[in-house]
PDB file of N, CA and C in Angstrom:
ATOM      1  N   MET A   1     248.363 160.607  84.300  1.00  0.00           N
ATOM      2  CA  MET A   1     248.046 159.251  84.487  1.00  0.00           C
ATOM      3  C   MET A   1     249.234 158.518  84.997  1.00  0.00           C
ATOM      4  N   THR A   2     249.123 157.801  85.937  1.00  0.00           N
ATOM      5  CA  THR A   2     250.098 157.040  86.596  1.00  0.00           C
ATOM      6  C   THR A   2     250.205 155.667  86.046  1.00  0.00           C
ATOM      7  N   PRO A   3     251.443 155.227  85.540  1.00  0.00           N
ATOM      8  CA  PRO A   3     251.546 153.951  84.868  1.00  0.00           C
ATOM      9  C   PRO A   3     251.340 152.868  85.853  1.00  0.00           C
ATOM     10  N   LEU A   4     251.032 151.648  85.298  1.00  0.00           N
ATOM     11  CA  LEU A   4     250.829 150.496  86.112  1.00  0.00           C
ATOM     12  C   LEU A   4     252.180 149.960  86.582  1.00  0.00           C
ATOM     13  N   PRO A   5     252.381 149.715  87.840  1.00  0.00           N
ATOM     14  CA  PRO A   5     253.704 149.335  88.316  1.00  0.00           C
ATOM     15  C   PRO A   5     254.060 147.888  87.622  1.00  0.00           C
ATOM     16  N   PRO A   6     255.239 147.620  87.553  1.00  0.00           N
ATOM     17  CA  PRO A   6     255.667 146.295  86.915  1.00  0.00           C
ATOM     18  C   PRO A   6     254.927 145.189  87.484  1.00  0.00           C
ATOM     19  N   ILE A   7     254.449 144.252  86.685  1.00  0.00           N
ATOM     20  CA  ILE A   7     253.692 143.016  87.211  1.00  0.00           C
ATOM     21  C   ILE A   7     254.629 141.888  87.212  1.00  0.00           C
ATOM     22  N   ASP A   8     254.697 141.313  88.303  1.00  0.00           N
ATOM     23  CA  ASP A   8     255.440 140.087  88.653  1.00  0.00           C
ATOM     24  C   ASP A   8     254.800 138.858  87.775  1.00  0.00           C
ATOM     25  N   ARG A   9     255.557 138.279  86.941  1.00  0.00           N
ATOM     26  CA  ARG A   9     255.026 137.212  86.129  1.00  0.00           C
ATOM     27  C   ARG A   9     254.418 136.063  86.955  1.00  0.00           C
ATOM     28  N   LEU A  10     254.976 135.827  88.068  1.00  0.00           N
ATOM     29  CA  LEU A  10     254.595 134.778  88.985  1.00  0.00           C
ATOM     30  C   LEU A  10     253.188 135.168  89.590  1.00  0.00           C
ATOM     31  N   ALA A  11     252.818 136.444  89.621  1.00  0.00           N
ATOM     32  CA  ALA A  11     251.492 136.917  90.207  1.00  0.00           C
ATOM     33  C   ALA A  11     250.441 136.687  89.271  1.00  0.00           C
ATOM     34  N   LEU A  12     250.798 136.502  88.004  1.00  0.00           N
ATOM     35  CA  LEU A  12     249.632 136.200  87.007  1.00  0.00           C
ATOM     36  C   LEU A  12     249.070 134.846  87.283  1.00  0.00           C
ATOM     37  N   PRO A  13     247.736 134.754  86.910  1.00  0.00           N
ATOM     38  CA  PRO A  13     247.094 133.483  87.074  1.00  0.00           C
ATOM     39  C   PRO A  13     247.827 132.451  86.150  1.00  0.00           C
ATOM     40  N   ALA A  14     247.754 131.233  86.689  1.00  0.00           N
ATOM     41  CA  ALA A  14     248.542 130.167  85.948  1.00  0.00           C
ATOM     42  C   ALA A  14     248.173 130.070  84.443  1.00  0.00           C
ATOM     43  N   ASP A  15     246.879 130.051  84.188  1.00  0.00           N
ATOM     44  CA  ASP A  15     246.601 129.923  82.808  1.00  0.00           C
ATOM     45  C   ASP A  15     246.889 130.999  81.843  1.00  0.00           C
ATOM     46  N   ILE A  16     247.034 132.198  82.449  1.00  0.00           N
ATOM     47  CA  ILE A  16     247.482 133.452  81.781  1.00  0.00           C
ATOM     48  C   ILE A  16     249.075 133.240  81.536  1.00  0.00           C
ATOM     49  N   ARG A  17     249.736 132.796  82.435  1.00  0.00           N
ATOM     50  CA  ARG A  17     251.278 132.530  82.396  1.00  0.00           C
ATOM     51  C   ARG A  17     251.555 131.496  81.315  1.00  0.00           C
ATOM     52  N   THR A  18     250.702 130.531  81.169  1.00  0.00           N
ATOM     53  CA  THR A  18     251.028 129.504  80.204  1.00  0.00           C
ATOM     54  C   THR A  18     250.484 129.785  78.877  1.00  0.00           C
ATOM     55  N   SER A  19     249.751 130.877  78.729  1.00  0.00           N
ATOM     56  CA  SER A  19     249.040 131.333  77.439  1.00  0.00           C
ATOM     57  C   SER A  19     250.267 132.104  76.682  1.00  0.00           C
ATOM     58  N   GLY A  20     249.926 132.408  75.428  1.00  0.00           N
ATOM     59  CA  GLY A  20     250.877 133.085  74.588  1.00  0.00           C
ATOM     60  C   GLY A  20     251.056 134.608  75.104  1.00  0.00           C
ATOM     61  N   ARG A  21     252.119 135.097  74.544  1.00  0.00           N
ATOM     62  CA  ARG A  21     252.400 136.525  74.944  1.00  0.00           C
ATOM     63  C   ARG A  21     251.238 137.566  74.724  1.00  0.00           C
ATOM     64  N   ASP A  22     250.512 137.389  73.694  1.00  0.00           N
ATOM     65  CA  ASP A  22     249.363 138.204  73.248  1.00  0.00           C
ATOM     66  C   ASP A  22     248.324 138.214  74.455  1.00  0.00           C
ATOM     67  N   VAL A  23     248.086 136.988  74.955  1.00  0.00           N
ATOM     68  CA  VAL A  23     247.106 136.905  76.048  1.00  0.00           C
ATOM     69  C   VAL A  23     247.580 137.598  77.283  1.00  0.00           C
ATOM     70  N   GLN A  24     248.938 137.363  77.591  1.00  0.00           N
ATOM     71  CA  GLN A  24     249.503 138.107  78.740  1.00  0.00           C
ATOM     72  C   GLN A  24     249.477 139.561  78.662  1.00  0.00           C
ATOM     73  N   GLU A  25     249.759 140.117  77.424  1.00  0.00           N
ATOM     74  CA  GLU A  25     249.691 141.576  77.156  1.00  0.00           C
ATOM     75  C   GLU A  25     248.151 142.091  77.258  1.00  0.00           C
ATOM     76  N   ARG A  26     247.283 141.326  76.803  1.00  0.00           N
ATOM     77  CA  ARG A  26     245.877 141.699  76.966  1.00  0.00           C
ATOM     78  C   ARG A  26     245.425 141.765  78.381  1.00  0.00           C
ATOM     79  N   TYR A  27     245.943 140.773  79.201  1.00  0.00           N
ATOM     80  CA  TYR A  27     245.638 140.697  80.597  1.00  0.00           C
ATOM     81  C   TYR A  27     246.288 141.926  81.358  1.00  0.00           C
ATOM     82  N   GLU A  28     247.549 142.238  81.032  1.00  0.00           N
ATOM     83  CA  GLU A  28     248.094 143.381  81.670  1.00  0.00           C
ATOM     84  C   GLU A  28     247.553 144.612  81.221  1.00  0.00           C
ATOM     85  N   ALA A  29     247.020 144.781  79.999  1.00  0.00           N
ATOM     86  CA  ALA A  29     246.253 145.996  79.514  1.00  0.00           C
ATOM     87  C   ALA A  29     245.053 146.082  80.301  1.00  0.00           C
ATOM     88  N   GLY A  30     244.432 144.891  80.633  1.00  0.00           N
ATOM     89  CA  GLY A  30     243.142 144.947  81.385  1.00  0.00           C
ATOM     90  C   GLY A  30     243.361 145.388  82.818  1.00  0.00           C
ATOM     91  N   LEU A  31     244.530 144.936  83.308  1.00  0.00           N
ATOM     92  CA  LEU A  31     244.871 145.422  84.680  1.00  0.00           C
ATOM     93  C   LEU A  31     245.120 146.922  84.730  1.00  0.00           C
ATOM     94  N   GLY A  32     245.753 147.421  83.669  1.00  0.00           N
ATOM     95  CA  GLY A  32     245.967 148.950  83.503  1.00  0.00           C
ATOM     96  C   GLY A  32     244.684 149.698  83.498  1.00  0.00           C
ATOM     97  N   PHE A  33     243.656 149.072  82.720  1.00  0.00           N
ATOM     98  CA  PHE A  33     242.341 149.714  82.644  1.00  0.00           C
ATOM     99  C   PHE A  33     241.637 149.641  84.038  1.00  0.00           C
ATOM    100  N   GLU A  34     241.702 148.527  84.667  1.00  0.00           N
ATOM    101  CA  GLU A  34     241.072 148.434  86.109  1.00  0.00           C
ATOM    102  C   GLU A  34     241.810 149.371  86.942  1.00  0.00           C
ATOM    103  N   ARG A  35     243.097 149.606  86.979  1.00  0.00           N
ATOM    104  CA  ARG A  35     243.786 150.524  87.744  1.00  0.00           C
ATOM    105  C   ARG A  35     243.234 151.934  87.625  1.00  0.00           C
ATOM    106  N   GLN A  36     243.076 152.363  86.248  1.00  0.00           N
ATOM    107  CA  GLN A  36     242.620 153.688  86.011  1.00  0.00           C
ATOM    108  C   GLN A  36     241.193 153.888  86.523  1.00  0.00           C
ATOM    109  N   LEU A  37     240.371 152.858  86.335  1.00  0.00           N
ATOM    110  CA  LEU A  37     238.939 152.815  86.789  1.00  0.00           C
ATOM    111  C   LEU A  37     238.884 153.059  88.228  1.00  0.00           C
ATOM    112  N   VAL A  38     239.679 152.223  89.002  1.00  0.00           N
ATOM    113  CA  VAL A  38     239.623 152.299  90.378  1.00  0.00           C
ATOM    114  C   VAL A  38     240.135 153.646  90.889  1.00  0.00           C
ATOM    115  N   ALA A  39     241.100 154.244  90.317  1.00  0.00           N
ATOM    116  CA  ALA A  39     241.723 155.486  90.686  1.00  0.00           C
ATOM    117  C   ALA A  39     240.656 156.634  90.545  1.00  0.00           C
ATOM    118  N   GLN A  40     239.953 156.602  89.308  1.00  0.00           N
ATOM    119  CA  GLN A  40     238.892 157.575  89.002  1.00  0.00           C
ATOM    120  C   GLN A  40     237.791 157.325  89.989  1.00  0.00           C
ATOM    121  N   LEU A  41     237.350 156.187  90.343  1.00  0.00           N
ATOM    122  CA  LEU A  41     236.296 156.081  91.292  1.00  0.00           C
ATOM    123  C   LEU A  41     236.667 156.541  92.649  1.00  0.00           C
ATOM    124  N   ALA A  42     237.960 156.188  93.027  1.00  0.00           N
ATOM    125  CA  ALA A  42     238.387 156.665  94.434  1.00  0.00           C
ATOM    126  C   ALA A  42     238.462 158.168  94.501  1.00  0.00           C
ATOM    127  N   LYS A  43     238.858 158.853  93.394  1.00  0.00           N
ATOM    128  CA  LYS A  43     238.860 160.270  93.367  1.00  0.00           C
ATOM    129  C   LYS A  43     237.444 160.872  93.542  1.00  0.00           C
ATOM    130  N   GLN A  44     236.519 160.232  92.820  1.00  0.00           N
ATOM    131  CA  GLN A  44     235.089 160.680  92.992  1.00  0.00           C
ATOM    132  C   GLN A  44     234.648 160.488  94.382  1.00  0.00           C
ATOM    133  N   LEU A  45     235.023 159.290  94.917  1.00  0.00           N
ATOM    134  CA  LEU A  45     234.566 158.983  96.320  1.00  0.00           C
ATOM    135  C   LEU A  45     235.027 159.959  97.278  1.00  0.00           C
ATOM    136  N   SER A  46     236.383 160.272  97.163  1.00  0.00           N
ATOM    137  CA  SER A  46     237.028 161.275  98.141  1.00  0.00           C
ATOM    138  C   SER A  46     236.390 162.619  97.929  1.00  0.00           C
ATOM    139  N   ALA A  47     236.098 162.972  96.679  1.00  0.00           N
ATOM    140  CA  ALA A  47     235.477 164.339  96.468  1.00  0.00           C
ATOM    141  C   ALA A  47     234.154 164.486  97.143  1.00  0.00           C
ATOM    142  N   THR A  48     233.318 163.405  97.175  1.00  0.00           N
ATOM    143  CA  THR A  48     231.957 163.443  97.770  1.00  0.00           C
ATOM    144  C   THR A  48     232.095 163.167  99.261  1.00  0.00           C
ATOM    145  N   ALA A  49     233.209 162.702  99.757  1.00  0.00           N
ATOM    146  CA  ALA A  49     233.311 162.345 101.143  1.00  0.00           C
ATOM    147  C   ALA A  49     233.514 163.693 102.021  1.00  0.00           C
ATOM    148  N   GLY A  50     233.691 164.815 101.395  1.00  0.00           N
ATOM    149  CA  GLY A  50     233.859 165.961 102.173  1.00  0.00           C
ATOM    150  C   GLY A  50     235.333 166.298 102.370  1.00  0.00           C
ATOM    151  N   GLU A  51     235.542 167.267 103.254  1.00  0.00           N
ATOM    152  CA  GLU A  51     236.972 167.733 103.562  1.00  0.00           C
ATOM    153  C   GLU A  51     237.776 166.779 104.314  1.00  0.00           C
ATOM    154  N   THR A  52     237.161 165.794 104.916  1.00  0.00           N
ATOM    155  CA  THR A  52     238.032 164.783 105.583  1.00  0.00           C
ATOM    156  C   THR A  52     238.959 164.060 104.708  1.00  0.00           C
ATOM    157  N   LEU A  53     238.500 163.594 103.474  1.00  0.00           N
ATOM    158  CA  LEU A  53     239.393 162.927 102.591  1.00  0.00           C
ATOM    159  C   LEU A  53     240.161 163.804 101.653  1.00  0.00           C
ATOM    160  N   THR A  54     239.615 165.122 101.386  1.00  0.00           N
ATOM    161  CA  THR A  54     240.227 165.808 100.499  1.00  0.00           C
ATOM    162  C   THR A  54     241.284 166.904 100.989  1.00  0.00           C
ATOM    163  N   SER A  55     241.550 166.872 102.244  1.00  0.00           N
ATOM    164  CA  SER A  55     242.450 167.762 102.805  1.00  0.00           C
ATOM    165  C   SER A  55     243.601 166.928 103.426  1.00  0.00           C
ATOM    166  N   GLY A  56     244.717 167.538 103.698  1.00  0.00           N
ATOM    167  CA  GLY A  56     245.747 166.850 104.231  1.00  0.00           C
ATOM    168  C   GLY A  56     247.035 166.610 103.323  1.00  0.00           C
ATOM    169  N   PRO A  57     248.112 166.421 103.721  1.00  0.00           N
ATOM    170  CA  PRO A  57     249.294 166.190 102.808  1.00  0.00           C
ATOM    171  C   PRO A  57     249.220 164.981 102.031  1.00  0.00           C
ATOM    172  N   TYR A  58     248.385 163.976 102.456  1.00  0.00           N
ATOM    173  CA  TYR A  58     248.534 162.728 101.651  1.00  0.00           C
ATOM    174  C   TYR A  58     247.160 162.486 100.950  1.00  0.00           C
ATOM    175  N   ALA A  59     246.311 163.444 100.947  1.00  0.00           N
ATOM    176  CA  ALA A  59     244.913 163.223 100.358  1.00  0.00           C
ATOM    177  C   ALA A  59     244.993 162.851  98.884  1.00  0.00           C
ATOM    178  N   GLN A  60     245.915 163.405  98.122  1.00  0.00           N
ATOM    179  CA  GLN A  60     246.042 163.142  96.677  1.00  0.00           C
ATOM    180  C   GLN A  60     246.617 161.800  96.426  1.00  0.00           C
ATOM    181  N   LEU A  61     247.242 161.244  97.444  1.00  0.00           N
ATOM    182  CA  LEU A  61     247.876 159.896  97.180  1.00  0.00           C
ATOM    183  C   LEU A  61     246.963 158.837  97.395  1.00  0.00           C
ATOM    184  N   LEU A  62     245.722 158.999  98.079  1.00  0.00           N
ATOM    185  CA  LEU A  62     244.885 157.920  98.442  1.00  0.00           C
ATOM    186  C   LEU A  62     244.354 157.216  97.231  1.00  0.00           C
ATOM    187  N   PRO A  63     243.769 157.838  96.198  1.00  0.00           N
ATOM    188  CA  PRO A  63     243.268 157.179  95.146  1.00  0.00           C
ATOM    189  C   PRO A  63     244.240 156.316  94.379  1.00  0.00           C
ATOM    190  N   ASP A  64     245.519 156.750  94.178  1.00  0.00           N
ATOM    191  CA  ASP A  64     246.522 155.992  93.540  1.00  0.00           C
ATOM    192  C   ASP A  64     246.898 154.711  94.356  1.00  0.00           C
ATOM    193  N   ALA A  65     247.036 155.015  95.644  1.00  0.00           N
ATOM    194  CA  ALA A  65     247.533 153.953  96.523  1.00  0.00           C
ATOM    195  C   ALA A  65     246.457 152.868  96.541  1.00  0.00           C
ATOM    196  N   LEU A  66     245.137 153.217  96.562  1.00  0.00           N
ATOM    197  CA  LEU A  66     244.078 152.228  96.533  1.00  0.00           C
ATOM    198  C   LEU A  66     244.103 151.351  95.323  1.00  0.00           C
ATOM    199  N   ALA A  67     244.230 152.211  94.063  1.00  0.00           N
ATOM    200  CA  ALA A  67     244.216 151.579  92.795  1.00  0.00           C
ATOM    201  C   ALA A  67     245.416 150.623  92.596  1.00  0.00           C
ATOM    202  N   ASP A  68     246.635 151.029  93.114  1.00  0.00           N
ATOM    203  CA  ASP A  68     247.767 150.188  93.088  1.00  0.00           C
ATOM    204  C   ASP A  68     247.627 148.880  93.826  1.00  0.00           C
ATOM    205  N   SER A  69     247.061 149.089  95.045  1.00  0.00           N
ATOM    206  CA  SER A  69     246.833 147.881  95.956  1.00  0.00           C
ATOM    207  C   SER A  69     245.803 146.941  95.298  1.00  0.00           C
ATOM    208  N   ILE A  70     244.821 147.325  94.709  1.00  0.00           N
ATOM    209  CA  ILE A  70     243.844 146.482  94.099  1.00  0.00           C
ATOM    210  C   ILE A  70     244.495 145.800  92.872  1.00  0.00           C
ATOM    211  N   ALA A  71     245.184 146.570  92.073  1.00  0.00           N
ATOM    212  CA  ALA A  71     245.881 145.822  90.936  1.00  0.00           C
ATOM    213  C   ALA A  71     246.948 144.894  91.326  1.00  0.00           C
ATOM    214  N   ALA A  72     247.767 145.203  92.410  1.00  0.00           N
ATOM    215  CA  ALA A  72     248.674 144.215  92.906  1.00  0.00           C
ATOM    216  C   ALA A  72     248.089 142.949  93.484  1.00  0.00           C
ATOM    217  N   ALA A  73     246.848 143.047  93.891  1.00  0.00           N
ATOM    218  CA  ALA A  73     246.064 141.901  94.473  1.00  0.00           C
ATOM    219  C   ALA A  73     245.410 141.096  93.337  1.00  0.00           C
ATOM    220  N   GLY A  74     245.616 141.458  92.154  1.00  0.00           N
ATOM    221  CA  GLY A  74     244.933 140.776  91.067  1.00  0.00           C
ATOM    222  C   GLY A  74     243.845 141.447  90.367  1.00  0.00           C
ATOM    223  N   GLY A  75     243.504 142.514  90.812  1.00  0.00           N
ATOM    224  CA  GLY A  75     242.466 143.434  90.085  1.00  0.00           C
ATOM    225  C   GLY A  75     241.039 142.947  90.583  1.00  0.00           C
ATOM    226  N   LEU A  76     240.137 143.595  89.817  1.00  0.00           N
ATOM    227  CA  LEU A  76     238.691 143.278  90.056  1.00  0.00           C
ATOM    228  C   LEU A  76     238.109 142.134  89.331  1.00  0.00           C
ATOM    229  N   GLY A  77     238.887 141.683  88.341  1.00  0.00           N
ATOM    230  CA  GLY A  77     238.334 140.520  87.473  1.00  0.00           C
ATOM    231  C   GLY A  77     238.017 140.975  85.999  1.00  0.00           C
ATOM    232  N   LEU A  78     238.076 142.247  85.878  1.00  0.00           N
ATOM    233  CA  LEU A  78     237.877 142.761  84.456  1.00  0.00           C
ATOM    234  C   LEU A  78     238.891 142.289  83.537  1.00  0.00           C
ATOM    235  N   ALA A  79     240.168 142.249  84.022  1.00  0.00           N
ATOM    236  CA  ALA A  79     241.338 141.920  83.193  1.00  0.00           C
ATOM    237  C   ALA A  79     241.141 140.526  82.646  1.00  0.00           C
ATOM    238  N   ARG A  80     240.734 139.650  83.517  1.00  0.00           N
ATOM    239  CA  ARG A  80     240.402 138.199  83.026  1.00  0.00           C
ATOM    240  C   ARG A  80     239.356 138.289  81.976  1.00  0.00           C
ATOM    241  N   THR A  81     238.298 138.948  82.243  1.00  0.00           N
ATOM    242  CA  THR A  81     237.196 138.897  81.226  1.00  0.00           C
ATOM    243  C   THR A  81     237.663 139.588  79.989  1.00  0.00           C
ATOM    244  N   LEU A  82     238.509 140.660  79.895  1.00  0.00           N
ATOM    245  CA  LEU A  82     238.937 141.274  78.708  1.00  0.00           C
ATOM    246  C   LEU A  82     239.843 140.343  77.950  1.00  0.00           C
ATOM    247  N   ALA A  83     240.749 139.663  78.625  1.00  0.00           N
ATOM    248  CA  ALA A  83     241.621 138.687  78.056  1.00  0.00           C
ATOM    249  C   ALA A  83     240.962 137.548  77.462  1.00  0.00           C
ATOM    250  N   ASP A  84     239.982 137.036  78.156  1.00  0.00           N
ATOM    251  CA  ASP A  84     239.196 135.880  77.749  1.00  0.00           C
ATOM    252  C   ASP A  84     238.293 136.147  76.538  1.00  0.00           C
ATOM    253  N   ASP A  85     237.622 137.359  76.648  1.00  0.00           N
ATOM    254  CA  ASP A  85     236.652 137.844  75.488  1.00  0.00           C
ATOM    255  C   ASP A  85     237.501 138.048  74.224  1.00  0.00           C
ATOM    256  N   THR A  86     238.579 138.606  74.300  1.00  0.00           N
ATOM    257  CA  THR A  86     239.419 138.947  73.267  1.00  0.00           C
ATOM    258  C   THR A  86     239.897 137.672  72.659  1.00  0.00           C
ATOM    259  N   GLU A  87     240.325 136.746  73.419  1.00  0.00           N
ATOM    260  CA  GLU A  87     240.863 135.360  72.975  1.00  0.00           C
ATOM    261  C   GLU A  87     239.811 134.670  72.196  1.00  0.00           C
ATOM    262  N   ALA A  88     238.516 134.733  72.625  1.00  0.00           N
ATOM    263  CA  ALA A  88     237.554 133.951  72.229  1.00  0.00           C
ATOM    264  C   ALA A  88     237.068 134.565  70.833  1.00  0.00           C
ATOM    265  N   ALA A  89     237.178 135.927  70.682  1.00  0.00           N
ATOM    266  CA  ALA A  89     236.785 136.601  69.479  1.00  0.00           C
ATOM    267  C   ALA A  89     237.869 136.369  68.347  1.00  0.00           C
ATOM    268  N   ALA A  90     239.091 136.083  68.822  1.00  0.00           N
ATOM    269  CA  ALA A  90     240.157 135.787  67.709  1.00  0.00           C
ATOM    270  C   ALA A  90     240.009 134.567  66.965  1.00  0.00           C
TER     271      ALA A  90
END
């Protein structure tokens, strides 16, 4: 399992930045979950794509690179939902 790269606090949504530390931690945990989900989906996708995506020196790096890029761009939106749902339940 590849850890989530450090998250720049300025890259967090404004309302998450101004929320308490617990909300920020839940959001970051949500981003970590999204990253793992995207990496697993990309691995499955490349496995079903045939030899084109599974061979070559950089084939194993593709799922992690895709997952890191999506996480760095703010994720899929699941992190926001997880942070908001947990905050509402508290």
